[in-house]
N, C-alpha and C. Protein backbone atom coordinates (compact mmCIF):
# COMPACT_ATOMS: atom_id res chain seq x y z
N MET A 1 84.99 108.85 83.37
CA MET A 1 86.28 108.57 83.99
C MET A 1 87.20 109.77 83.81
N SER A 2 87.83 110.23 84.89
CA SER A 2 88.68 111.40 84.80
C SER A 2 90.00 111.09 84.10
N SER A 3 90.66 112.13 83.63
CA SER A 3 91.96 111.98 82.97
C SER A 3 92.98 111.33 83.89
N LEU A 4 92.95 111.71 85.17
CA LEU A 4 93.90 111.16 86.13
C LEU A 4 93.68 109.66 86.33
N VAL A 5 92.44 109.26 86.42
CA VAL A 5 92.13 107.83 86.55
C VAL A 5 92.62 107.07 85.34
N ARG A 6 92.42 107.63 84.16
CA ARG A 6 92.90 106.98 82.93
C ARG A 6 94.42 106.85 82.92
N GLN A 7 95.10 107.90 83.36
CA GLN A 7 96.57 107.86 83.38
C GLN A 7 97.08 106.79 84.34
N ILE A 8 96.46 106.69 85.51
CA ILE A 8 96.89 105.69 86.49
C ILE A 8 96.61 104.28 85.98
N ASN A 9 95.43 104.07 85.43
CA ASN A 9 95.09 102.75 84.89
C ASN A 9 96.01 102.36 83.75
N SER A 10 96.45 103.35 82.98
CA SER A 10 97.40 103.08 81.90
C SER A 10 98.75 102.65 82.45
N LEU A 11 99.19 103.32 83.51
CA LEU A 11 100.47 102.96 84.13
C LEU A 11 100.44 101.55 84.72
N LYS A 12 99.28 101.14 85.19
CA LYS A 12 99.15 99.80 85.79
C LYS A 12 99.38 98.70 84.76
N LYS A 13 99.37 99.05 83.49
CA LYS A 13 99.62 98.08 82.42
C LYS A 13 101.06 98.13 81.92
N LYS A 14 101.88 98.98 82.54
CA LYS A 14 103.26 99.15 82.09
C LYS A 14 104.25 98.59 83.10
N ASP A 15 105.54 98.61 82.73
CA ASP A 15 106.58 98.01 83.56
C ASP A 15 106.69 98.66 84.93
N VAL A 16 106.30 99.92 85.02
CA VAL A 16 106.43 100.61 86.30
C VAL A 16 105.60 99.93 87.39
N LYS A 17 104.54 99.24 87.00
CA LYS A 17 103.72 98.51 87.98
C LYS A 17 104.56 97.47 88.71
N GLN A 18 105.42 96.76 88.00
CA GLN A 18 106.25 95.75 88.64
C GLN A 18 107.23 96.37 89.63
N VAL A 19 107.75 97.54 89.27
CA VAL A 19 108.68 98.25 90.16
C VAL A 19 107.96 98.65 91.45
N ILE A 20 106.76 99.20 91.30
CA ILE A 20 105.97 99.62 92.46
C ILE A 20 105.58 98.42 93.31
N ASP A 21 105.14 97.34 92.66
CA ASP A 21 104.74 96.14 93.40
C ASP A 21 105.91 95.60 94.25
N LYS A 22 107.12 95.64 93.70
CA LYS A 22 108.29 95.16 94.43
C LYS A 22 108.58 96.05 95.64
N LYS A 23 108.39 97.35 95.47
CA LYS A 23 108.59 98.27 96.58
C LYS A 23 107.62 97.96 97.72
N ILE A 24 106.36 97.80 97.37
CA ILE A 24 105.33 97.51 98.37
C ILE A 24 105.62 96.19 99.08
N GLN A 25 106.05 95.19 98.32
CA GLN A 25 106.36 93.88 98.92
C GLN A 25 107.54 93.98 99.88
N SER A 26 108.55 94.75 99.50
CA SER A 26 109.72 94.90 100.37
C SER A 26 109.37 95.66 101.64
N PHE A 27 108.48 96.66 101.53
CA PHE A 27 108.06 97.42 102.70
C PHE A 27 107.29 96.54 103.68
N SER A 28 106.51 95.61 103.15
CA SER A 28 105.65 94.79 104.01
C SER A 28 106.46 93.94 104.99
N LYS A 29 107.74 93.73 104.69
CA LYS A 29 108.58 92.90 105.55
C LYS A 29 109.20 93.68 106.70
N ILE A 30 109.27 95.01 106.56
CA ILE A 30 110.03 95.80 107.53
C ILE A 30 109.38 95.83 108.91
N LYS A 31 108.04 95.92 108.96
CA LYS A 31 107.39 96.00 110.27
C LYS A 31 107.59 94.74 111.10
N ASN A 32 108.02 93.65 110.46
CA ASN A 32 108.29 92.42 111.19
C ASN A 32 109.76 92.27 111.57
N LYS A 33 110.56 93.26 111.19
CA LYS A 33 111.98 93.23 111.54
C LYS A 33 112.18 93.81 112.93
N SER A 34 113.41 94.03 113.30
CA SER A 34 113.74 94.49 114.65
C SER A 34 113.39 95.96 114.86
N ASN A 35 113.31 96.35 116.11
CA ASN A 35 113.11 97.76 116.44
C ASN A 35 114.18 98.63 115.81
N LYS A 36 115.39 98.11 115.73
CA LYS A 36 116.49 98.89 115.17
C LYS A 36 116.27 99.19 113.69
N GLU A 37 115.82 98.21 112.94
CA GLU A 37 115.56 98.43 111.51
C GLU A 37 114.40 99.41 111.31
N ILE A 38 113.39 99.29 112.15
CA ILE A 38 112.26 100.21 112.08
C ILE A 38 112.70 101.63 112.43
N PHE A 39 113.56 101.75 113.43
CA PHE A 39 114.05 103.08 113.83
C PHE A 39 114.86 103.73 112.72
N LYS A 40 115.64 102.96 112.00
CA LYS A 40 116.42 103.52 110.89
C LYS A 40 115.51 104.08 109.82
N GLU A 41 114.40 103.41 109.56
CA GLU A 41 113.44 103.93 108.58
C GLU A 41 112.74 105.17 109.11
N LEU A 42 112.47 105.19 110.39
CA LEU A 42 111.88 106.38 111.01
C LEU A 42 112.83 107.57 110.89
N SER A 43 114.11 107.32 111.10
CA SER A 43 115.11 108.38 111.01
C SER A 43 115.22 108.91 109.59
N PHE A 44 115.11 108.03 108.62
CA PHE A 44 115.09 108.46 107.22
C PHE A 44 113.94 109.43 106.98
N CYS A 45 112.77 109.11 107.51
CA CYS A 45 111.60 109.97 107.30
C CYS A 45 111.75 111.31 108.01
N VAL A 46 112.49 111.34 109.12
CA VAL A 46 112.81 112.61 109.76
C VAL A 46 113.65 113.46 108.82
N LEU A 47 114.58 112.83 108.11
CA LEU A 47 115.44 113.56 107.17
C LEU A 47 114.68 114.11 105.97
N THR A 48 113.60 113.46 105.58
CA THR A 48 112.91 113.87 104.35
C THR A 48 112.07 115.13 104.48
N ALA A 49 111.79 115.57 105.70
CA ALA A 49 110.94 116.75 105.89
C ALA A 49 111.59 117.98 105.25
N ASN A 50 110.90 118.57 104.28
CA ASN A 50 111.39 119.75 103.57
C ASN A 50 112.76 119.52 102.93
N TYR A 51 112.97 118.29 102.46
CA TYR A 51 114.26 117.95 101.88
C TYR A 51 114.06 116.99 100.71
N ASN A 52 115.02 116.96 99.82
CA ASN A 52 114.98 116.12 98.62
C ASN A 52 115.01 114.64 99.00
N ALA A 53 113.99 113.90 98.57
CA ALA A 53 113.87 112.48 98.95
C ALA A 53 115.02 111.64 98.42
N LYS A 54 115.44 111.90 97.19
CA LYS A 54 116.54 111.11 96.60
C LYS A 54 117.82 111.29 97.38
N LYS A 55 118.12 112.53 97.77
CA LYS A 55 119.33 112.79 98.55
C LYS A 55 119.23 112.16 99.94
N ALA A 56 118.01 112.18 100.51
CA ALA A 56 117.82 111.58 101.83
C ALA A 56 118.06 110.07 101.78
N ILE A 57 117.67 109.43 100.69
CA ILE A 57 117.90 108.00 100.52
C ILE A 57 119.40 107.70 100.50
N GLU A 58 120.15 108.52 99.77
CA GLU A 58 121.60 108.34 99.69
C GLU A 58 122.25 108.50 101.06
N ILE A 59 121.79 109.50 101.82
CA ILE A 59 122.33 109.74 103.16
C ILE A 59 121.99 108.58 104.10
N GLN A 60 120.76 108.08 104.00
CA GLN A 60 120.35 106.95 104.83
C GLN A 60 121.27 105.74 104.61
N LYS A 61 121.58 105.46 103.36
CA LYS A 61 122.44 104.31 103.05
C LYS A 61 123.83 104.48 103.64
N LYS A 62 124.34 105.71 103.64
CA LYS A 62 125.70 105.96 104.13
C LYS A 62 125.78 105.97 105.66
N ILE A 63 124.75 106.48 106.32
CA ILE A 63 124.77 106.50 107.79
C ILE A 63 124.34 105.17 108.37
N ASN A 64 123.27 104.60 107.85
CA ASN A 64 122.78 103.26 108.21
C ASN A 64 122.72 103.06 109.74
N ASP A 65 123.53 102.18 110.30
CA ASP A 65 123.46 101.90 111.74
C ASP A 65 123.86 103.10 112.59
N GLY A 66 124.50 104.10 111.97
CA GLY A 66 124.88 105.29 112.71
C GLY A 66 123.70 106.00 113.33
N PHE A 67 122.52 105.83 112.75
CA PHE A 67 121.31 106.42 113.34
C PHE A 67 121.07 105.87 114.75
N LEU A 68 121.60 104.69 115.01
CA LEU A 68 121.34 104.01 116.28
C LEU A 68 122.31 104.40 117.39
N PHE A 69 123.54 104.76 117.03
CA PHE A 69 124.55 104.92 118.08
C PHE A 69 125.41 106.17 118.01
N LEU A 70 125.46 106.86 116.89
CA LEU A 70 126.33 108.03 116.81
C LEU A 70 125.90 109.10 117.82
N SER A 71 126.86 109.73 118.44
CA SER A 71 126.55 110.81 119.37
C SER A 71 125.91 111.96 118.61
N LEU A 72 125.29 112.88 119.33
CA LEU A 72 124.68 114.04 118.70
C LEU A 72 125.70 114.79 117.86
N LYS A 73 126.87 115.01 118.41
CA LYS A 73 127.91 115.75 117.70
C LYS A 73 128.35 115.00 116.44
N ASP A 74 128.60 113.70 116.58
CA ASP A 74 129.09 112.92 115.43
C ASP A 74 128.02 112.78 114.34
N LEU A 75 126.77 112.60 114.74
CA LEU A 75 125.69 112.49 113.76
C LEU A 75 125.51 113.81 113.02
N SER A 76 125.57 114.89 113.75
CA SER A 76 125.44 116.21 113.14
C SER A 76 126.57 116.44 112.14
N LEU A 77 127.80 116.11 112.54
CA LEU A 77 128.96 116.28 111.65
C LEU A 77 128.84 115.40 110.41
N LYS A 78 128.34 114.17 110.60
CA LYS A 78 128.18 113.25 109.46
C LYS A 78 127.14 113.78 108.48
N LEU A 79 126.03 114.27 109.00
CA LEU A 79 125.00 114.84 108.14
C LEU A 79 125.54 116.05 107.37
N LYS A 80 126.29 116.88 108.06
CA LYS A 80 126.88 118.05 107.42
C LYS A 80 127.87 117.64 106.34
N GLU A 81 128.68 116.66 106.65
CA GLU A 81 129.67 116.13 105.70
C GLU A 81 128.99 115.61 104.43
N LEU A 82 127.81 115.02 104.61
CA LEU A 82 127.08 114.44 103.47
C LEU A 82 126.22 115.47 102.74
N GLY A 83 126.30 116.72 103.16
CA GLY A 83 125.61 117.80 102.46
C GLY A 83 124.17 117.99 102.86
N TYR A 84 123.80 117.44 104.03
CA TYR A 84 122.41 117.58 104.47
C TYR A 84 122.12 119.01 104.90
N ARG A 85 120.91 119.47 104.62
CA ARG A 85 120.56 120.88 104.79
C ARG A 85 120.39 121.31 106.25
N TYR A 86 119.91 120.40 107.10
CA TYR A 86 119.62 120.77 108.50
C TYR A 86 120.36 119.82 109.45
N PRO A 87 121.67 119.77 109.43
CA PRO A 87 122.39 118.73 110.18
C PRO A 87 122.19 118.78 111.68
N ASN A 88 122.23 119.96 112.27
CA ASN A 88 122.17 120.06 113.73
C ASN A 88 120.79 119.72 114.28
N LEU A 89 119.75 120.34 113.69
CA LEU A 89 118.39 120.14 114.19
C LEU A 89 117.93 118.71 114.00
N ARG A 90 118.17 118.14 112.83
CA ARG A 90 117.68 116.78 112.58
C ARG A 90 118.47 115.74 113.36
N ALA A 91 119.75 115.99 113.57
CA ALA A 91 120.53 115.10 114.43
C ALA A 91 119.98 115.12 115.84
N GLU A 92 119.61 116.30 116.30
CA GLU A 92 119.02 116.43 117.63
C GLU A 92 117.71 115.65 117.72
N TYR A 93 116.88 115.74 116.69
CA TYR A 93 115.62 115.00 116.67
C TYR A 93 115.86 113.49 116.75
N ILE A 94 116.77 113.01 115.89
CA ILE A 94 117.01 111.57 115.80
C ILE A 94 117.56 111.02 117.12
N VAL A 95 118.52 111.73 117.71
CA VAL A 95 119.08 111.27 118.98
C VAL A 95 118.01 111.29 120.07
N SER A 96 117.16 112.32 120.09
CA SER A 96 116.08 112.39 121.07
C SER A 96 115.08 111.25 120.88
N ASN A 97 114.82 110.89 119.63
CA ASN A 97 113.84 109.83 119.34
C ASN A 97 114.30 108.45 119.78
N ARG A 98 115.58 108.31 120.07
CA ARG A 98 116.09 107.00 120.50
C ARG A 98 115.44 106.50 121.78
N LYS A 99 114.85 107.39 122.55
CA LYS A 99 114.18 106.94 123.77
C LYS A 99 113.00 106.02 123.46
N HIS A 100 112.52 106.06 122.21
CA HIS A 100 111.40 105.19 121.79
C HIS A 100 111.89 103.97 121.01
N LEU A 101 113.19 103.86 120.81
CA LEU A 101 113.73 102.82 119.92
C LEU A 101 113.25 101.42 120.30
N ASP A 102 113.35 101.07 121.56
CA ASP A 102 113.05 99.70 121.99
C ASP A 102 111.55 99.40 122.10
N SER A 103 110.72 100.41 121.92
CA SER A 103 109.27 100.19 122.09
C SER A 103 108.48 100.36 120.78
N LEU A 104 109.17 100.55 119.66
CA LEU A 104 108.47 100.84 118.41
C LEU A 104 107.51 99.73 117.99
N LYS A 105 107.95 98.49 118.05
CA LYS A 105 107.08 97.38 117.64
C LYS A 105 105.86 97.28 118.57
N LYS A 106 106.08 97.54 119.84
CA LYS A 106 104.98 97.52 120.81
C LYS A 106 103.96 98.60 120.47
N VAL A 107 104.44 99.79 120.12
CA VAL A 107 103.55 100.89 119.74
C VAL A 107 102.76 100.53 118.50
N LEU A 108 103.41 99.96 117.50
CA LEU A 108 102.75 99.62 116.25
C LEU A 108 101.61 98.61 116.47
N LYS A 109 101.77 97.75 117.45
CA LYS A 109 100.75 96.73 117.73
C LYS A 109 99.65 97.25 118.66
N ALA A 110 99.87 98.42 119.25
CA ALA A 110 98.95 98.91 120.29
C ALA A 110 97.72 99.60 119.73
N PHE A 111 97.75 99.96 118.43
CA PHE A 111 96.64 100.73 117.86
C PHE A 111 95.98 99.95 116.72
N ASN A 112 94.66 99.86 116.78
CA ASN A 112 93.90 99.22 115.71
C ASN A 112 93.35 100.22 114.70
N GLU A 113 93.32 101.48 115.08
CA GLU A 113 92.73 102.52 114.22
C GLU A 113 93.84 103.35 113.60
N LYS A 114 93.81 103.52 112.29
CA LYS A 114 94.93 104.10 111.56
C LYS A 114 95.28 105.51 112.01
N ASN A 115 94.28 106.35 112.24
CA ASN A 115 94.57 107.73 112.61
C ASN A 115 95.17 107.83 114.01
N SER A 116 94.75 106.95 114.91
CA SER A 116 95.31 106.94 116.26
C SER A 116 96.78 106.55 116.23
N LEU A 117 97.12 105.58 115.40
CA LEU A 117 98.51 105.16 115.27
C LEU A 117 99.36 106.30 114.71
N ARG A 118 98.89 106.91 113.65
CA ARG A 118 99.64 108.03 113.06
C ARG A 118 99.75 109.19 114.03
N ASP A 119 98.67 109.49 114.74
CA ASP A 119 98.70 110.58 115.72
C ASP A 119 99.76 110.34 116.79
N TRP A 120 99.94 109.08 117.19
CA TRP A 120 100.95 108.79 118.21
C TRP A 120 102.32 109.22 117.72
N PHE A 121 102.65 108.89 116.50
CA PHE A 121 103.97 109.24 115.97
C PHE A 121 104.12 110.75 115.80
N VAL A 122 103.08 111.43 115.35
CA VAL A 122 103.14 112.88 115.22
C VAL A 122 103.36 113.54 116.58
N GLU A 123 102.70 113.00 117.58
CA GLU A 123 102.75 113.62 118.92
C GLU A 123 103.99 113.24 119.72
N ASN A 124 104.59 112.09 119.42
CA ASN A 124 105.69 111.60 120.26
C ASN A 124 107.06 111.55 119.59
N ILE A 125 107.10 111.61 118.28
CA ILE A 125 108.37 111.55 117.57
C ILE A 125 108.75 112.94 117.07
N LYS A 126 109.91 113.39 117.45
CA LYS A 126 110.34 114.72 117.04
C LYS A 126 110.70 114.75 115.55
N GLY A 127 110.28 115.82 114.89
CA GLY A 127 110.71 116.05 113.51
C GLY A 127 109.81 115.49 112.44
N ILE A 128 108.62 114.98 112.80
CA ILE A 128 107.72 114.49 111.76
C ILE A 128 106.33 115.09 111.92
N SER A 129 105.71 115.35 110.79
CA SER A 129 104.34 115.82 110.73
C SER A 129 103.47 114.69 110.21
N TYR A 130 102.26 115.01 109.77
CA TYR A 130 101.37 113.96 109.23
C TYR A 130 101.94 113.34 107.97
N LYS A 131 102.58 114.16 107.15
CA LYS A 131 103.17 113.62 105.92
C LYS A 131 104.27 112.61 106.25
N GLU A 132 105.22 113.02 107.09
CA GLU A 132 106.35 112.14 107.39
C GLU A 132 105.91 110.90 108.18
N SER A 133 104.92 111.06 109.06
CA SER A 133 104.40 109.92 109.79
C SER A 133 103.74 108.92 108.83
N SER A 134 102.97 109.45 107.88
CA SER A 134 102.33 108.59 106.87
C SER A 134 103.39 107.91 106.01
N HIS A 135 104.42 108.66 105.65
CA HIS A 135 105.52 108.13 104.83
C HIS A 135 106.20 106.97 105.56
N PHE A 136 106.50 107.19 106.83
CA PHE A 136 107.14 106.14 107.64
C PHE A 136 106.27 104.89 107.71
N LEU A 137 105.00 105.06 108.03
CA LEU A 137 104.11 103.91 108.17
C LEU A 137 103.95 103.16 106.85
N ARG A 138 103.85 103.90 105.74
CA ARG A 138 103.78 103.23 104.43
C ARG A 138 105.08 102.46 104.16
N ASN A 139 106.21 103.06 104.52
CA ASN A 139 107.50 102.45 104.22
C ASN A 139 107.81 101.22 105.07
N ILE A 140 107.02 100.98 106.12
CA ILE A 140 107.22 99.75 106.90
C ILE A 140 106.05 98.79 106.73
N GLY A 141 105.19 99.06 105.72
CA GLY A 141 104.19 98.07 105.36
C GLY A 141 102.75 98.39 105.66
N TYR A 142 102.46 99.60 106.14
CA TYR A 142 101.07 100.01 106.38
C TYR A 142 100.61 100.84 105.17
N ASN A 143 99.86 100.22 104.30
CA ASN A 143 99.61 100.81 102.98
C ASN A 143 98.39 101.72 102.88
N ASP A 144 97.67 101.92 103.99
CA ASP A 144 96.44 102.69 103.88
C ASP A 144 96.61 104.15 104.31
N TYR A 145 97.83 104.67 104.14
CA TYR A 145 98.09 106.08 104.45
C TYR A 145 98.49 106.83 103.18
N ALA A 146 97.98 108.04 103.05
CA ALA A 146 98.36 108.90 101.94
C ALA A 146 99.53 109.78 102.35
N ILE A 147 100.49 109.93 101.46
CA ILE A 147 101.66 110.77 101.72
C ILE A 147 101.45 112.07 100.96
N ILE A 148 100.96 113.07 101.64
CA ILE A 148 100.51 114.29 100.98
C ILE A 148 101.55 115.39 101.11
N ASP A 149 102.15 115.76 99.98
CA ASP A 149 102.99 116.95 99.93
C ASP A 149 102.44 117.85 98.84
N PHE A 150 103.11 118.94 98.56
CA PHE A 150 102.55 119.89 97.61
C PHE A 150 102.65 119.41 96.16
N HIS A 151 103.49 118.40 95.88
CA HIS A 151 103.48 117.78 94.56
C HIS A 151 102.13 117.07 94.34
N ILE A 152 101.70 116.33 95.36
CA ILE A 152 100.42 115.62 95.27
C ILE A 152 99.27 116.61 95.22
N VAL A 153 99.35 117.67 96.02
CA VAL A 153 98.31 118.70 96.00
C VAL A 153 98.20 119.32 94.61
N ASP A 154 99.34 119.59 93.98
CA ASP A 154 99.33 120.19 92.63
C ASP A 154 98.63 119.27 91.62
N ILE A 155 98.88 117.96 91.72
CA ILE A 155 98.23 117.01 90.82
C ILE A 155 96.71 117.04 91.02
N LEU A 156 96.29 117.07 92.27
CA LEU A 156 94.86 117.09 92.57
C LEU A 156 94.20 118.37 92.07
N ILE A 157 94.89 119.49 92.18
CA ILE A 157 94.35 120.75 91.68
C ILE A 157 94.25 120.73 90.16
N LYS A 158 95.31 120.27 89.50
CA LYS A 158 95.32 120.22 88.03
C LYS A 158 94.21 119.35 87.47
N ASN A 159 93.83 118.34 88.24
CA ASN A 159 92.82 117.39 87.76
C ASN A 159 91.44 117.62 88.37
N GLY A 160 91.26 118.75 89.04
CA GLY A 160 89.95 119.14 89.52
C GLY A 160 89.46 118.46 90.78
N TYR A 161 90.35 117.77 91.49
CA TYR A 161 89.95 117.10 92.73
C TYR A 161 90.03 118.04 93.93
N LEU A 162 90.76 119.12 93.76
CA LEU A 162 90.97 120.09 94.83
C LEU A 162 90.92 121.49 94.21
N LYS A 163 90.27 122.43 94.89
CA LYS A 163 90.07 123.76 94.31
C LYS A 163 91.31 124.63 94.38
N GLU A 164 91.98 124.61 95.53
CA GLU A 164 93.12 125.50 95.69
C GLU A 164 94.13 124.90 96.66
N LYS A 165 95.36 125.40 96.59
CA LYS A 165 96.42 124.91 97.45
C LYS A 165 96.20 125.43 98.87
N PRO A 166 96.19 124.54 99.86
CA PRO A 166 96.00 124.99 101.24
C PRO A 166 97.23 125.76 101.73
N LYS A 167 97.00 126.69 102.67
CA LYS A 167 98.11 127.46 103.21
C LYS A 167 99.03 126.59 104.06
N SER A 168 98.45 125.59 104.67
CA SER A 168 99.24 124.65 105.48
C SER A 168 98.54 123.30 105.50
N LEU A 169 99.29 122.27 105.86
CA LEU A 169 98.71 120.93 105.94
C LEU A 169 98.58 120.54 107.41
N ASN A 170 97.66 121.19 108.13
CA ASN A 170 97.39 120.79 109.51
C ASN A 170 96.57 119.49 109.50
N ARG A 171 96.28 118.97 110.66
CA ARG A 171 95.61 117.67 110.75
C ARG A 171 94.28 117.66 110.00
N GLN A 172 93.46 118.69 110.20
CA GLN A 172 92.16 118.73 109.56
C GLN A 172 92.28 118.75 108.05
N LYS A 173 93.15 119.61 107.52
CA LYS A 173 93.32 119.71 106.07
C LYS A 173 93.94 118.43 105.50
N TYR A 174 94.87 117.85 106.26
CA TYR A 174 95.50 116.61 105.80
C TYR A 174 94.46 115.51 105.65
N LEU A 175 93.59 115.37 106.64
CA LEU A 175 92.56 114.32 106.59
C LEU A 175 91.55 114.59 105.49
N GLU A 176 91.24 115.85 105.22
CA GLU A 176 90.33 116.20 104.12
C GLU A 176 90.90 115.74 102.79
N ILE A 177 92.17 116.03 102.57
CA ILE A 177 92.80 115.64 101.30
C ILE A 177 92.98 114.13 101.24
N GLU A 178 93.26 113.51 102.37
CA GLU A 178 93.40 112.06 102.40
C GLU A 178 92.08 111.39 102.02
N ASN A 179 90.96 111.97 102.41
CA ASN A 179 89.66 111.43 102.02
C ASN A 179 89.45 111.51 100.51
N ILE A 180 89.94 112.60 99.91
CA ILE A 180 89.87 112.73 98.45
C ILE A 180 90.69 111.62 97.79
N LEU A 181 91.89 111.40 98.32
CA LEU A 181 92.76 110.37 97.76
C LEU A 181 92.20 108.97 97.99
N GLU A 182 91.49 108.78 99.09
CA GLU A 182 90.86 107.49 99.35
C GLU A 182 89.81 107.19 98.29
N CYS A 183 89.03 108.19 97.93
CA CYS A 183 88.03 108.00 96.86
C CYS A 183 88.72 107.68 95.54
N LEU A 184 89.83 108.37 95.25
CA LEU A 184 90.57 108.11 94.02
C LEU A 184 91.18 106.71 94.05
N SER A 185 91.70 106.30 95.19
CA SER A 185 92.32 104.98 95.29
C SER A 185 91.31 103.87 95.04
N LYS A 186 90.07 104.08 95.47
CA LYS A 186 89.03 103.08 95.22
C LYS A 186 88.69 102.99 93.73
N LYS A 187 88.71 104.13 93.06
CA LYS A 187 88.41 104.14 91.62
C LYS A 187 89.45 103.38 90.82
N VAL A 188 90.70 103.46 91.26
CA VAL A 188 91.77 102.79 90.51
C VAL A 188 92.20 101.47 91.16
N LYS A 189 91.49 101.08 92.24
CA LYS A 189 91.70 99.81 92.91
C LYS A 189 93.14 99.64 93.40
N LEU A 190 93.60 100.67 94.12
CA LEU A 190 94.92 100.67 94.72
C LEU A 190 94.80 101.11 96.18
N SER A 191 95.74 100.69 97.00
CA SER A 191 95.81 101.26 98.34
C SER A 191 96.34 102.68 98.23
N GLN A 192 96.17 103.46 99.27
CA GLN A 192 96.69 104.82 99.22
C GLN A 192 98.22 104.84 99.13
N GLY A 193 98.86 103.88 99.76
CA GLY A 193 100.31 103.78 99.66
C GLY A 193 100.77 103.50 98.24
N GLU A 194 100.06 102.61 97.55
CA GLU A 194 100.37 102.33 96.15
C GLU A 194 100.07 103.54 95.28
N LEU A 195 98.93 104.17 95.53
CA LEU A 195 98.52 105.33 94.75
C LEU A 195 99.58 106.42 94.78
N ASP A 196 100.18 106.62 95.95
CA ASP A 196 101.23 107.64 96.06
C ASP A 196 102.35 107.40 95.07
N PHE A 197 102.76 106.14 94.92
CA PHE A 197 103.82 105.83 93.96
C PHE A 197 103.42 106.21 92.54
N TYR A 198 102.18 105.91 92.17
CA TYR A 198 101.72 106.24 90.81
C TYR A 198 101.63 107.74 90.59
N LEU A 199 101.13 108.45 91.58
CA LEU A 199 101.03 109.91 91.45
C LEU A 199 102.42 110.54 91.39
N TRP A 200 103.31 110.04 92.25
CA TRP A 200 104.68 110.55 92.25
C TRP A 200 105.36 110.29 90.90
N TYR A 201 105.09 109.10 90.32
CA TYR A 201 105.69 108.77 89.02
C TYR A 201 105.13 109.69 87.93
N LEU A 202 103.85 109.97 87.97
CA LEU A 202 103.26 110.87 86.99
C LEU A 202 103.86 112.26 87.08
N GLU A 203 104.21 112.68 88.28
CA GLU A 203 104.75 114.03 88.50
C GLU A 203 106.25 114.11 88.22
N THR A 204 107.00 113.03 88.54
CA THR A 204 108.45 113.10 88.47
C THR A 204 109.12 112.11 87.50
N GLY A 205 108.36 111.09 87.12
CA GLY A 205 108.95 110.07 86.23
C GLY A 205 109.87 109.11 86.97
N THR A 206 109.81 109.11 88.31
CA THR A 206 110.66 108.23 89.11
C THR A 206 109.85 107.50 90.17
N VAL A 207 110.41 106.39 90.67
CA VAL A 207 109.85 105.66 91.80
C VAL A 207 110.91 105.63 92.89
N LEU A 208 110.67 106.35 93.97
CA LEU A 208 111.63 106.37 95.07
C LEU A 208 111.07 105.56 96.23
N LYS A 209 111.06 106.15 97.44
CA LYS A 209 110.45 105.42 98.55
C LYS A 209 109.94 106.42 99.59
C-alpha cells in the first residue's frame, strides 16, 4: 500500500470525512435545481481559472444573482471592485455564456457518456478548460470527474504516480492523469470527486469547493 493511500484512508477515519461528505451531499442537489442556479455555479467555475479558489467563493457569494442579469459593464466593474484579477475578460465570458442559460439542464440530460458531456462544456462555454469543466460538473453532483490542477499533479509526482509535471494539460494529458486518479480512487474506495477533496486537504489543510 502506498503512502498516499495510507494517508487518504487515515483521513477517512477523521472529522474531515464528515465535512467532505456534507459537501458531496449538497452538490448532489444542485443539478436538480433551476437553470439559473446551475448557471451561477458555472460562472463561479469560470472565475476560478488561474485564480484563488477561496477568493472566488467570496466573490460568488457577493455577486450571486448578478451573474444572471448584470450588464457587461456592471459585472466587470463589480468584479474589479471585489478585487478580481481578470474583471473585463471573465465578465465578457459570463455574459456571453448566458445564451446557454435556459438550456443547461437539457444539455446535462443529453449525454450518457462522461467525456462527451465534459467536452460539450469545454467546446461551448467560454472561459473553461477540462479542469474547470470537471470542477463545475463535480460541484453540481457529477462525482466521477477529476479536478486536475498543478497542486494535484505535484501530489502525484511526490508519491510516484506521475514521473514529471506536464508542460500543459491538454485533453490527452488530462485524460491520462485522470486515469491515474481513477486507479487511485478505486484503491481508496472513493469517487474521483471525493478523492479531489482528500488530495486538496492533504495539500492545503482546507476543504473548499
